[in-house]
Amino acid sequence: MDNGRSVIIIGGGIGGLSAAALLAKDGRKVTLLEALPNVGGRAGMWEHEGFRFDTGPSWYLMPEVFDHFYKLMGTSAAEQLNLGLLDPGYRVYFEPEPGEIAPGEPAPHVDIRAKREDNIAVFESLEPGAGAAVDRYIDSAQDTYNIAVKYFLYSSFEKITPLLVKPVLVRIGKLFRFLTSPIYGFVSRFVKSLRARQILGYPAVFLGSSPYNAPSMFHLMSHLDLNDGVLYAQGGFTRVIESIRDIAESHGVTVITNARVSQITVEETGFKPRATGVKYTDADGQEHILTADIVVSGADLHHTETTMLPEKLQTFPESYWDKKVAGPGAVLLYLGVKGQIPEMIHHNLFFIKDWESNFGQIFTDNPTMPNPASFYVCMPSVTDDSVAPAGDTNIFVLVPCPADPSMGRGGMDGAGDPIIEDVAERTIDAIAEWANIPDFRERIVVRRTVGPGDFQGDLNAWMGSALGPAHVLSQSALFRSSNISSRVDGLYYVGSSTIPGIGLPMCLISAEVLLKRLRGDVSPTALPEPLTATV
């Protein structure tokens, strides 16, 4: 338990912002320091020529996690956001077989719908007999998801005994198998066709892993898209971040941007040193020292430990990271396009046939950029008029790539480093061909690329990863990096580097797990709504 009344939070990503809000609601005086001009971290925003792009996350999944956070703060998702259900939720394009399509036709594709029964029919169309099997698969995904949310995701794993409850114990054999076998093998027990397996296996990428490496525990993700459906908040994640900042500030949080923290200050007292504050530099280059009872870093954990603390005080030194697996990097494209593009919908996935090789090139000791590569296209302007000039189209593209900052950085209008721009060129051509948009390239009026070098340089992301440490078994659940320093009292962590893991909902949960640790709460369940102050 740590009843420190004053708190400094390093980093204004969603983990840091939500932690600031919760700790302020708990009665603590909170100051948040963000190195960039705007909060949001990976969930940032970029505007150019009337187009407004979410710079990272774009899938609103696990809606009950967002709503629970808002309700802890005394409001709700319905009050804060204008949410709508996407139907179709997303489209999947498949690389065509020879002779499968006529010249001028788009690549074969299916739409994943808002209703489960419609999605079962989609799988039946891909593979006769698969509908009933996928129905069972979704049942398993839903059951696993419910168990995970109720007994695992909100746990700090300080003690294992609170997890030993009947609903967990009766599933212990199955849960063990889920943790120790990859999701692709589990999927293959239900469906045989590559295309069906791709749809069920791809959610591993949301967790920073490959379907050949991610534990099959994470097949629970299929409950979210095939059963729950995909939501969208008007204004995108820009609006989500704005709402959390507004709530935090309304509870007294002080947010300071352009504040780059260089050091966590520590006092040698008694048995173990204690964090006393931070040293940071403001936008004018002036250095400041800020003191507090508690320091929480929502910045990248590798960056925090290896640059803000001396080696003797690092819980997670460089030698720790040498044994860890980074999630994938990403080449991102922000494209403003003249006119409408009816050939695509809000979310679009493009899958190549050589699926295993694609992931194998990314997740290996000597990674290379796949060519061709699978990729993702988000086109929010079909749902949200505010993100593009009237009649035009906003397109965000993500191409998974190795977590390798030496691939370089992106730039405007093709001025990024050669590897990044080469990937962008190939992907623009692939969109035009697969979706059958012959004039796609000519209609692009805004073009910016981002590469792993940008993730490392701008966000201090370990290995230039777009997501954080991968969810392989050794980095999942109780095996993931803890949210507390073992060498410095009063120093804690929040965000995707720590428990429970990658993704905006997980980062929201990490903030609540942090609060529970400060309160000495070792229960595995979420806190009751609304939150009441204890300090």
Protein backbone atom coordinates (compact mmCIF):
# COMPACT_ATOMS: atom_id res chain seq x y z
CA MET A 1 0.00 0.00 0.00
CA ASP A 2 1.24 3.50 -0.87
CA ASN A 3 -0.77 6.45 0.38
CA GLY A 4 1.49 9.10 -1.10
CA ARG A 5 -0.62 12.17 -1.74
CA SER A 6 1.38 13.80 -4.55
CA VAL A 7 2.03 11.99 -7.82
CA ILE A 8 4.05 12.71 -10.95
CA ILE A 9 3.09 10.79 -14.07
CA ILE A 10 5.58 10.61 -16.94
CA GLY A 11 3.88 10.32 -20.32
CA GLY A 12 0.48 11.37 -21.59
CA GLY A 13 -0.53 8.31 -23.55
CA ILE A 14 -3.85 6.73 -22.67
CA GLY A 15 -2.21 4.75 -19.83
CA GLY A 16 -0.71 7.86 -18.25
CA LEU A 17 -3.82 9.97 -18.80
CA SER A 18 -6.21 7.41 -17.34
CA ALA A 19 -3.87 6.77 -14.40
CA ALA A 20 -3.77 10.51 -13.75
CA ALA A 21 -7.57 10.67 -13.76
CA LEU A 22 -8.02 7.66 -11.45
CA LEU A 23 -5.35 8.75 -8.96
CA ALA A 24 -6.82 12.25 -8.82
CA LYS A 25 -10.27 10.77 -8.25
CA ASP A 26 -8.67 8.74 -5.43
CA GLY A 27 -7.77 12.01 -3.71
CA ARG A 28 -4.18 12.53 -4.83
CA LYS A 29 -2.54 15.65 -6.30
CA VAL A 30 -1.38 14.67 -9.77
CA THR A 31 0.93 16.33 -12.29
CA LEU A 32 1.35 14.75 -15.72
CA LEU A 33 4.39 15.52 -17.89
CA GLU A 34 4.24 14.85 -21.63
CA ALA A 35 7.30 15.28 -23.85
CA LEU A 36 5.33 16.05 -27.03
CA PRO A 37 3.17 19.13 -27.72
CA ASN A 38 -0.01 17.05 -27.38
CA VAL A 39 -1.11 14.14 -25.21
CA GLY A 40 -2.14 10.79 -26.65
CA GLY A 41 1.15 9.01 -27.29
CA ARG A 42 0.60 6.38 -29.96
CA ALA A 43 -3.04 7.49 -30.04
CA GLY A 44 -2.13 10.92 -31.36
CA MET A 45 -3.57 13.19 -34.02
CA TRP A 46 -2.17 14.91 -37.12
CA GLU A 47 -3.96 17.52 -39.26
CA HIS A 48 -3.04 18.67 -42.74
CA GLU A 49 -4.94 20.37 -45.56
CA GLY A 50 -8.30 19.76 -43.88
CA PHE A 51 -7.65 16.07 -43.16
CA ARG A 52 -7.42 14.91 -39.52
CA PHE A 53 -5.74 11.57 -38.92
CA ASP A 54 -5.67 9.38 -35.86
CA THR A 55 -1.97 8.48 -35.86
CA GLY A 56 -2.28 5.03 -34.33
CA PRO A 57 -5.09 2.91 -32.84
CA SER A 58 -8.31 2.82 -34.84
CA TRP A 59 -10.34 -0.19 -33.57
CA TYR A 60 -12.78 0.51 -30.72
CA LEU A 61 -12.94 -2.94 -29.11
CA MET A 62 -13.75 -4.09 -25.56
CA PRO A 63 -16.34 -1.31 -25.17
CA GLU A 64 -17.23 -2.39 -21.64
CA VAL A 65 -13.66 -1.59 -20.55
CA PHE A 66 -14.00 2.00 -21.77
CA ASP A 67 -17.42 2.32 -20.18
CA HIS A 68 -16.15 0.94 -16.88
CA PHE A 69 -13.33 3.51 -16.79
CA TYR A 70 -15.76 6.34 -17.50
CA LYS A 71 -18.15 5.05 -14.81
CA LEU A 72 -15.31 4.89 -12.28
CA MET A 73 -14.87 8.59 -13.01
CA GLY A 74 -18.58 9.31 -12.49
CA THR A 75 -19.67 9.48 -16.11
CA SER A 76 -20.16 6.96 -18.95
CA ALA A 77 -19.07 6.22 -22.49
CA ALA A 78 -22.55 7.21 -23.68
CA GLU A 79 -22.15 10.63 -22.06
CA GLN A 80 -18.62 11.20 -23.33
CA LEU A 81 -18.68 9.67 -26.81
CA ASN A 82 -20.97 9.42 -29.81
CA LEU A 83 -20.64 5.70 -30.46
CA GLY A 84 -22.05 3.78 -33.38
CA LEU A 85 -21.94 0.12 -34.42
CA LEU A 86 -20.23 -0.52 -37.75
CA ASP A 87 -22.03 -2.94 -40.04
CA PRO A 88 -20.10 -4.36 -41.79
CA GLY A 89 -17.51 -4.28 -39.05
CA TYR A 90 -14.70 -4.85 -41.52
CA ARG A 91 -13.87 -6.26 -44.94
CA VAL A 92 -11.22 -8.89 -45.67
CA TYR A 93 -9.56 -9.03 -49.10
CA PHE A 94 -7.72 -12.22 -50.04
CA GLU A 95 -4.91 -12.59 -52.54
CA PRO A 96 -6.64 -14.25 -55.51
CA GLU A 97 -5.76 -17.68 -56.81
CA PRO A 98 -4.70 -17.87 -60.48
CA GLY A 99 -7.77 -17.42 -62.67
CA GLU A 100 -10.06 -16.72 -59.71
CA ILE A 101 -11.02 -13.23 -60.87
CA ALA A 102 -11.40 -11.58 -64.27
CA PRO A 103 -9.26 -8.57 -65.24
CA GLY A 104 -10.66 -5.38 -63.68
CA GLU A 105 -12.37 -7.19 -60.81
CA PRO A 106 -11.42 -6.59 -57.16
CA ALA A 107 -9.72 -9.31 -55.17
CA PRO A 108 -12.09 -11.83 -53.54
CA HIS A 109 -13.39 -10.49 -50.25
CA VAL A 110 -15.88 -11.05 -47.45
CA ASP A 111 -17.54 -8.67 -45.02
CA ILE A 112 -17.61 -9.40 -41.28
CA ARG A 113 -20.94 -8.20 -39.99
CA ALA A 114 -22.34 -6.90 -36.72
CA LYS A 115 -24.39 -10.05 -35.98
CA ARG A 116 -22.93 -13.41 -35.06
CA GLU A 117 -25.30 -15.41 -37.24
CA ASP A 118 -24.27 -13.41 -40.30
CA ASN A 119 -20.61 -14.12 -39.57
CA ILE A 120 -21.27 -17.83 -39.18
CA ALA A 121 -22.77 -17.70 -42.67
CA VAL A 122 -19.62 -15.96 -43.95
CA PHE A 123 -17.44 -18.82 -42.71
CA GLU A 124 -19.84 -21.37 -44.18
CA SER A 125 -19.43 -19.62 -47.55
CA LEU A 126 -15.65 -19.90 -47.26
CA GLU A 127 -15.68 -23.54 -46.22
CA PRO A 128 -18.72 -25.84 -46.22
CA GLY A 129 -19.29 -27.10 -42.71
CA ALA A 130 -17.22 -24.35 -41.10
CA GLY A 131 -20.26 -22.43 -39.86
CA ALA A 132 -21.07 -24.87 -37.05
CA ALA A 133 -17.39 -25.16 -36.12
CA VAL A 134 -16.96 -21.39 -35.92
CA ASP A 135 -20.11 -21.20 -33.81
CA ARG A 136 -18.37 -23.44 -31.27
CA TYR A 137 -15.17 -21.42 -31.62
CA ILE A 138 -17.02 -18.20 -30.77
CA ASP A 139 -18.60 -19.91 -27.75
CA SER A 140 -15.11 -20.77 -26.53
CA ALA A 141 -13.85 -17.24 -27.27
CA GLN A 142 -16.72 -15.71 -25.32
CA ASP A 143 -16.24 -17.98 -22.31
CA THR A 144 -12.48 -17.34 -22.27
CA TYR A 145 -13.00 -13.61 -22.63
CA ASN A 146 -15.43 -13.49 -19.71
CA ILE A 147 -13.05 -15.46 -17.48
CA ALA A 148 -10.11 -13.26 -18.50
CA VAL A 149 -11.93 -10.00 -17.77
CA LYS A 150 -13.36 -11.20 -14.47
CA TYR A 151 -10.33 -12.98 -13.00
CA PHE A 152 -7.11 -12.06 -14.85
CA LEU A 153 -6.98 -8.72 -16.65
CA TYR A 154 -7.56 -6.61 -13.54
CA SER A 155 -5.08 -8.59 -11.42
CA SER A 156 -1.63 -7.35 -10.44
CA PHE A 157 -0.63 -11.01 -9.84
CA GLU A 158 0.91 -10.00 -6.49
CA LYS A 159 -0.77 -13.09 -5.06
CA ILE A 160 -2.01 -16.15 -6.90
CA THR A 161 -4.52 -17.31 -4.27
CA PRO A 162 -7.22 -14.76 -5.25
CA LEU A 163 -7.23 -16.37 -8.71
CA LEU A 164 -8.00 -19.83 -7.32
CA VAL A 165 -11.78 -19.57 -7.53
CA LYS A 166 -14.16 -22.23 -8.78
CA PRO A 167 -14.78 -20.74 -12.29
CA VAL A 168 -11.01 -20.73 -12.87
CA LEU A 169 -10.28 -24.09 -11.22
CA VAL A 170 -12.88 -25.98 -13.25
CA ARG A 171 -11.22 -24.62 -16.42
CA ILE A 172 -7.61 -24.93 -15.24
CA GLY A 173 -6.68 -27.70 -17.67
CA LYS A 174 -8.17 -25.88 -20.63
CA LEU A 175 -6.62 -22.54 -19.61
CA PHE A 176 -3.21 -24.20 -19.30
CA ARG A 177 -3.54 -25.61 -22.82
CA PHE A 178 -4.61 -22.19 -24.08
CA LEU A 179 -1.48 -20.63 -22.57
CA THR A 180 0.93 -23.23 -23.91
CA SER A 181 -0.27 -23.73 -27.49
CA PRO A 182 -0.32 -21.15 -30.32
CA ILE A 183 -3.53 -19.64 -31.59
CA TYR A 184 -2.98 -20.80 -35.18
CA GLY A 185 -2.90 -24.45 -34.15
CA PHE A 186 -6.06 -23.97 -32.11
CA VAL A 187 -7.81 -22.25 -35.01
CA SER A 188 -6.79 -25.09 -37.30
CA ARG A 189 -8.76 -27.55 -35.18
CA PHE A 190 -11.95 -25.75 -36.20
CA VAL A 191 -11.39 -24.64 -39.82
CA LYS A 192 -9.25 -26.00 -42.65
CA SER A 193 -9.24 -23.29 -45.34
CA LEU A 194 -6.47 -20.69 -45.23
CA ARG A 195 -8.92 -17.82 -45.59
CA ALA A 196 -11.02 -18.87 -42.62
CA ARG A 197 -7.86 -19.41 -40.56
CA GLN A 198 -6.60 -15.96 -41.50
CA ILE A 199 -9.73 -14.23 -40.21
CA LEU A 200 -9.60 -16.12 -36.92
CA GLY A 201 -5.83 -15.83 -36.48
CA TYR A 202 -5.24 -12.20 -37.42
CA PRO A 203 -6.30 -10.74 -34.03
CA ALA A 204 -2.92 -11.93 -32.71
CA VAL A 205 -1.45 -8.91 -34.51
CA PHE A 206 -3.53 -6.60 -32.28
CA LEU A 207 -1.55 -8.14 -29.41
CA GLY A 208 1.81 -7.53 -31.02
CA SER A 209 2.42 -11.12 -31.97
CA SER A 210 2.09 -13.72 -34.70
CA PRO A 211 -0.72 -16.29 -34.77
CA TYR A 212 2.08 -18.86 -34.83
CA ASN A 213 3.50 -17.56 -31.52
CA ALA A 214 0.64 -15.96 -29.56
CA PRO A 215 -0.96 -18.26 -26.97
CA SER A 216 -4.37 -19.58 -28.01
CA MET A 217 -5.73 -17.92 -24.84
CA PHE A 218 -6.03 -14.90 -27.10
CA HIS A 219 -8.59 -16.53 -29.35
CA LEU A 220 -10.86 -14.64 -26.95
CA MET A 221 -10.38 -11.67 -29.31
CA SER A 222 -12.74 -13.30 -31.81
CA HIS A 223 -15.58 -12.75 -29.35
CA LEU A 224 -15.05 -9.03 -29.82
CA ASP A 225 -15.30 -8.77 -33.60
CA LEU A 226 -17.49 -11.77 -34.48
CA ASN A 227 -19.89 -11.61 -31.52
CA ASP A 228 -19.85 -8.11 -30.01
CA GLY A 229 -19.26 -6.15 -33.19
CA VAL A 230 -16.98 -3.19 -33.91
CA LEU A 231 -17.86 0.30 -32.67
CA TYR A 232 -16.66 3.73 -33.78
CA ALA A 233 -16.54 6.92 -31.75
CA GLN A 234 -17.25 10.03 -33.81
CA GLY A 235 -14.08 12.09 -33.90
CA GLY A 236 -12.03 8.89 -33.67
CA PHE A 237 -9.59 8.17 -30.88
CA THR A 238 -8.72 11.85 -30.93
CA ARG A 239 -12.07 12.38 -29.22
CA VAL A 240 -11.46 9.52 -26.77
CA ILE A 241 -8.14 11.04 -25.71
CA GLU A 242 -9.69 14.50 -25.43
CA SER A 243 -12.42 13.16 -23.18
CA ILE A 244 -9.98 11.44 -20.82
CA ARG A 245 -7.80 14.56 -20.61
CA ASP A 246 -10.88 16.68 -19.90
CA ILE A 247 -11.99 14.32 -17.14
CA ALA A 248 -8.50 14.24 -15.63
CA GLU A 249 -8.23 18.02 -15.59
CA SER A 250 -11.73 18.38 -14.15
CA HIS A 251 -10.49 16.32 -11.20
CA GLY A 252 -7.53 18.61 -10.65
CA VAL A 253 -4.78 17.00 -12.74
CA THR A 254 -2.15 19.45 -14.00
CA VAL A 255 -1.03 18.54 -17.54
CA ILE A 256 2.27 19.98 -18.75
CA THR A 257 3.21 19.30 -22.39
CA ASN A 258 6.60 19.84 -24.06
CA ALA A 259 8.10 18.52 -20.81
CA ARG A 260 10.81 15.96 -21.54
CA VAL A 261 11.80 13.97 -18.44
CA SER A 262 15.50 13.07 -18.30
CA GLN A 263 15.83 11.65 -14.80
CA ILE A 264 13.83 10.13 -11.97
CA THR A 265 15.30 11.62 -8.81
CA VAL A 266 15.97 9.20 -5.97
CA GLU A 267 16.82 9.59 -2.31
CA GLU A 268 18.94 7.01 -0.52
CA THR A 269 16.93 6.32 2.63
CA GLY A 270 17.06 3.23 4.80
CA PHE A 271 16.79 -0.22 3.25
CA LYS A 272 15.75 0.84 -0.24
CA PRO A 273 16.09 4.12 -2.19
CA ARG A 274 12.87 6.07 -2.78
CA ALA A 275 11.73 8.09 -5.79
CA THR A 276 11.41 11.78 -4.92
CA GLY A 277 10.43 13.30 -8.26
CA VAL A 278 11.78 14.00 -11.73
CA LYS A 279 14.06 16.32 -13.65
CA TYR A 280 12.58 17.64 -16.90
CA THR A 281 13.27 20.18 -19.63
CA ASP A 282 10.55 22.48 -20.95
CA ALA A 283 9.95 23.78 -24.47
CA ASP A 284 12.39 26.67 -23.90
CA GLY A 285 15.18 24.37 -22.80
CA GLN A 286 14.86 25.31 -19.14
CA GLU A 287 15.52 22.51 -16.66
CA HIS A 288 13.13 21.91 -13.77
CA ILE A 289 13.02 19.59 -10.76
CA LEU A 290 9.58 18.52 -9.60
CA THR A 291 9.07 16.57 -6.38
CA ALA A 292 6.34 14.12 -5.38
CA ASP A 293 5.62 11.20 -3.07
CA ILE A 294 5.04 8.81 -5.99
CA VAL A 295 6.41 8.65 -9.54
CA VAL A 296 4.52 6.71 -12.21
CA SER A 297 6.00 6.22 -15.66
CA GLY A 298 3.62 5.73 -18.54
CA ALA A 299 6.52 6.10 -20.95
CA ASP A 300 8.07 3.11 -22.65
CA LEU A 301 9.38 0.87 -19.88
CA HIS A 302 12.73 0.18 -21.55
CA HIS A 303 13.28 3.91 -22.04
CA THR A 304 12.24 4.69 -18.47
CA GLU A 305 14.50 2.13 -16.87
CA THR A 306 17.60 2.44 -19.04
CA THR A 307 17.72 6.25 -19.44
CA MET A 308 16.06 7.73 -16.34
CA LEU A 309 17.70 5.58 -13.65
CA PRO A 310 21.29 4.56 -12.91
CA GLU A 311 22.00 0.92 -13.72
CA LYS A 312 22.13 -0.17 -10.07
CA LEU A 313 18.51 1.01 -9.61
CA GLN A 314 17.10 -0.58 -12.77
CA THR A 315 14.56 -3.36 -12.19
CA PHE A 316 14.54 -4.02 -15.95
CA PRO A 317 18.11 -3.36 -17.17
CA GLU A 318 19.38 -3.84 -20.70
CA SER A 319 20.18 -7.50 -19.95
CA TYR A 320 16.47 -8.06 -19.19
CA TRP A 321 15.44 -6.68 -22.60
CA ASP A 322 18.03 -8.79 -24.41
CA LYS A 323 15.82 -11.79 -23.62
CA LYS A 324 12.51 -10.17 -24.59
CA VAL A 325 10.51 -10.18 -27.83
CA ALA A 326 9.32 -6.91 -29.33
CA GLY A 327 5.96 -6.61 -31.01
CA PRO A 328 6.05 -5.74 -34.70
CA GLY A 329 7.01 -2.41 -36.10
CA ALA A 330 4.80 -0.67 -38.63
CA VAL A 331 5.01 1.41 -41.74
CA LEU A 332 2.13 3.85 -41.56
CA LEU A 333 0.63 5.93 -44.37
CA TYR A 334 -1.64 8.92 -43.83
CA LEU A 335 -3.33 9.59 -47.17
CA GLY A 336 -5.75 12.34 -48.10
CA VAL A 337 -7.57 11.35 -51.29
CA LYS A 338 -9.76 13.46 -53.56
CA GLY A 339 -13.28 12.18 -53.94
CA GLN A 340 -15.05 9.14 -52.51
CA ILE A 341 -13.84 5.54 -52.59
CA PRO A 342 -16.87 3.25 -52.56
CA GLU A 343 -14.67 0.21 -53.20
CA MET A 344 -13.62 0.03 -49.51
CA ILE A 345 -15.38 0.38 -46.16
CA HIS A 346 -14.31 1.72 -42.75
CA HIS A 347 -11.95 -1.17 -41.80
CA ASN A 348 -10.24 -3.29 -44.48
CA LEU A 349 -7.72 -6.14 -44.14
CA PHE A 350 -5.62 -7.35 -47.07
CA PHE A 351 -4.15 -10.84 -46.64
CA ILE A 352 -1.50 -12.42 -48.86
CA LYS A 353 -1.47 -16.18 -49.41
CA ASP A 354 2.01 -16.79 -48.05
CA TRP A 355 0.74 -16.13 -44.56
CA GLU A 356 3.28 -18.13 -42.56
CA SER A 357 6.26 -16.69 -44.42
CA ASN A 358 4.89 -13.15 -43.95
CA PHE A 359 4.90 -13.52 -40.17
CA GLY A 360 8.10 -15.56 -40.21
CA GLN A 361 10.01 -12.72 -41.86
CA ILE A 362 8.86 -10.28 -39.16
CA PHE A 363 9.14 -12.46 -36.06
CA THR A 364 12.64 -13.92 -36.32
CA ASP A 365 16.13 -13.22 -35.02
CA ASN A 366 17.10 -11.75 -38.40
CA PRO A 367 13.91 -10.08 -39.64
CA THR A 368 13.31 -8.72 -43.11
CA MET A 369 10.49 -6.72 -44.67
CA PRO A 370 7.99 -9.06 -46.34
CA ASN A 371 7.33 -8.45 -50.04
CA PRO A 372 4.47 -8.74 -50.71
CA ALA A 373 3.04 -7.97 -47.28
CA SER A 374 -0.39 -8.16 -45.69
CA PHE A 375 -1.72 -4.80 -44.54
CA TYR A 376 -4.64 -2.89 -43.04
CA VAL A 377 -6.55 0.14 -44.34
CA CYS A 378 -8.81 2.35 -42.22
CA MET A 379 -11.13 4.76 -44.04
CA PRO A 380 -12.95 6.62 -41.24
CA SER A 381 -14.37 9.30 -43.51
CA VAL A 382 -17.07 6.89 -44.68
CA THR A 383 -18.42 7.06 -41.12
CA ASP A 384 -17.22 10.45 -39.86
CA ASP A 385 -17.52 13.67 -41.90
CA SER A 386 -15.22 15.55 -39.51
CA VAL A 387 -11.98 13.81 -40.57
CA ALA A 388 -11.77 14.99 -44.21
CA PRO A 389 -12.87 17.89 -46.40
CA ALA A 390 -16.39 17.47 -47.76
CA GLY A 391 -16.48 14.80 -50.45
CA ASP A 392 -12.91 13.62 -49.87
CA THR A 393 -11.47 10.52 -48.21
CA ASN A 394 -9.22 10.01 -45.18
CA ILE A 395 -7.11 6.84 -45.35
CA PHE A 396 -4.83 5.37 -42.70
CA VAL A 397 -2.68 2.39 -43.73
CA LEU A 398 -0.69 0.05 -41.46
CA VAL A 399 1.81 -2.43 -42.86
CA PRO A 400 3.29 -4.72 -40.16
CA CYS A 401 7.07 -4.85 -40.41
CA PRO A 402 10.05 -5.84 -38.25
CA ALA A 403 10.65 -3.87 -35.06
CA ASP A 404 13.82 -2.38 -36.49
CA PRO A 405 14.47 1.36 -36.28
CA SER A 406 17.27 1.01 -38.84
CA MET A 407 14.53 0.71 -41.47
CA GLY A 408 14.33 4.47 -41.06
CA ARG A 409 11.80 7.23 -40.69
CA GLY A 410 8.94 8.39 -42.85
CA GLY A 411 8.27 11.83 -44.30
CA MET A 412 6.02 14.03 -46.37
CA ASP A 413 5.31 13.43 -50.05
CA GLY A 414 7.75 10.56 -50.49
CA ALA A 415 10.64 12.24 -48.66
CA GLY A 416 11.05 9.54 -46.02
CA ASP A 417 13.89 7.06 -45.87
CA PRO A 418 14.10 4.74 -48.91
CA ILE A 419 12.93 1.49 -47.27
CA ILE A 420 9.86 3.18 -45.79
CA GLU A 421 8.90 4.89 -49.03
CA ASP A 422 9.43 1.69 -51.00
CA VAL A 423 6.94 -0.09 -48.72
CA ALA A 424 4.54 2.83 -49.15
CA GLU A 425 4.83 2.69 -52.95
CA ARG A 426 4.14 -1.03 -53.07
CA THR A 427 1.18 -0.70 -50.70
CA ILE A 428 -0.42 2.13 -52.70
CA ASP A 429 -0.16 -0.06 -55.80
CA ALA A 430 -1.61 -3.04 -53.92
CA ILE A 431 -4.62 -1.02 -52.72
CA ALA A 432 -5.28 0.16 -56.27
CA GLU A 433 -5.05 -3.37 -57.65
CA TRP A 434 -6.80 -5.38 -54.93
CA ALA A 435 -9.69 -2.95 -54.42
CA ASN A 436 -9.84 -2.14 -58.16
CA ILE A 437 -9.26 1.62 -57.91
CA PRO A 438 -7.21 2.32 -61.08
CA ASP A 439 -6.80 6.05 -60.42
CA PHE A 440 -6.04 5.72 -56.69
CA ARG A 441 -2.47 7.03 -56.86
CA GLU A 442 -3.41 10.07 -58.97
CA ARG A 443 -6.08 11.14 -56.44
CA ILE A 444 -3.71 11.28 -53.44
CA VAL A 445 -3.31 14.92 -52.35
CA VAL A 446 -1.85 14.39 -48.87
CA ARG A 447 0.82 11.79 -48.17
CA ARG A 448 2.85 11.23 -45.03
CA THR A 449 4.68 8.09 -43.96
CA VAL A 450 5.90 6.88 -40.56
CA GLY A 451 8.45 4.13 -39.87
CA PRO A 452 10.00 2.28 -36.94
CA GLY A 453 12.61 5.03 -36.65
CA ASP A 454 9.79 7.48 -35.88
CA PHE A 455 8.36 5.22 -33.18
CA GLN A 456 11.78 5.06 -31.56
CA GLY A 457 12.68 8.71 -32.06
CA ASP A 458 9.34 10.35 -31.26
CA LEU A 459 7.84 7.92 -28.75
CA ASN A 460 11.00 6.31 -27.32
CA ALA A 461 9.53 2.95 -28.31
CA TRP A 462 11.77 -0.01 -27.57
CA MET A 463 13.11 -1.45 -30.85
CA GLY A 464 10.83 0.93 -32.73
CA SER A 465 7.86 -1.33 -32.00
CA ALA A 466 4.48 0.08 -32.95
CA LEU A 467 2.78 -1.73 -30.06
CA GLY A 468 5.14 -2.79 -27.26
CA PRO A 469 6.49 -6.13 -26.02
CA ALA A 470 4.81 -9.00 -27.88
CA HIS A 471 2.22 -11.21 -26.19
CA VAL A 472 4.16 -14.43 -26.36
CA LEU A 473 3.71 -16.76 -23.38
CA SER A 474 6.76 -15.45 -21.53
CA GLN A 475 5.40 -11.90 -21.78
CA SER A 476 1.72 -12.48 -21.04
CA ALA A 477 -0.39 -12.41 -17.86
CA LEU A 478 1.70 -13.00 -14.72
CA PHE A 479 4.86 -13.32 -16.86
CA ARG A 480 4.61 -9.75 -18.20
CA SER A 481 6.74 -6.97 -16.70
CA SER A 482 5.37 -5.91 -13.33
CA ASN A 483 4.02 -2.42 -12.66
CA ILE A 484 6.30 -1.73 -9.69
CA SER A 485 10.02 -1.15 -9.33
CA SER A 486 11.73 -3.73 -7.14
CA ARG A 487 14.71 -1.43 -6.53
CA VAL A 488 13.13 2.00 -5.94
CA ASP A 489 10.26 2.54 -3.54
CA GLY A 490 7.54 4.83 -4.79
CA LEU A 491 8.21 4.10 -8.49
CA TYR A 492 5.48 2.46 -10.56
CA TYR A 493 4.61 1.80 -14.20
CA VAL A 494 1.55 1.97 -16.41
CA GLY A 495 0.81 1.40 -20.10
CA SER A 496 1.40 -1.23 -22.76
CA SER A 497 4.88 -2.29 -21.54
CA THR A 498 3.46 -3.63 -18.29
CA ILE A 499 0.48 -5.71 -17.12
CA PRO A 500 -1.96 -6.52 -18.63
CA GLY A 501 -0.47 -5.53 -22.01
CA ILE A 502 -0.98 -4.08 -25.48
CA GLY A 503 -3.97 -2.10 -26.72
CA LEU A 504 -5.92 0.93 -25.54
CA PRO A 505 -8.39 -1.09 -23.41
CA MET A 506 -5.46 -2.91 -21.78
CA CYS A 507 -3.79 0.43 -21.04
CA LEU A 508 -6.99 1.65 -19.37
CA ILE A 509 -6.97 -1.51 -17.28
CA SER A 510 -3.28 -1.02 -16.44
CA ALA A 511 -4.18 2.32 -14.84
CA GLU A 512 -6.76 0.62 -12.63
CA VAL A 513 -4.34 -2.18 -11.75
CA LEU A 514 -1.85 0.50 -10.71
CA LEU A 515 -4.44 2.13 -8.44
CA LYS A 516 -5.27 -1.25 -6.91
CA ARG A 517 -1.59 -1.85 -6.16
CA LEU A 518 -1.30 1.53 -4.46
CA ARG A 519 -4.35 0.63 -2.37
CA GLY A 520 -3.00 -2.81 -1.48
CA ASP A 521 -5.91 -4.46 -3.31
CA VAL A 522 -4.84 -7.91 -4.56
CA SER A 523 -8.27 -8.96 -5.81
CA PRO A 524 -8.48 -10.04 -9.47
CA THR A 525 -11.69 -8.12 -10.16
CA ALA A 526 -12.44 -4.61 -11.36
CA LEU A 527 -13.13 -1.87 -8.83
CA PRO A 528 -16.75 -0.94 -8.02
CA GLU A 529 -18.29 2.05 -9.79
CA PRO A 530 -18.03 4.95 -9.20
CA LEU A 531 -14.59 5.28 -7.62
CA THR A 532 -14.48 6.64 -4.08
CA ALA A 533 -11.42 8.42 -2.68
CA THR A 534 -9.20 6.63 -0.16
CA VAL A 535 -6.43 9.22 0.32
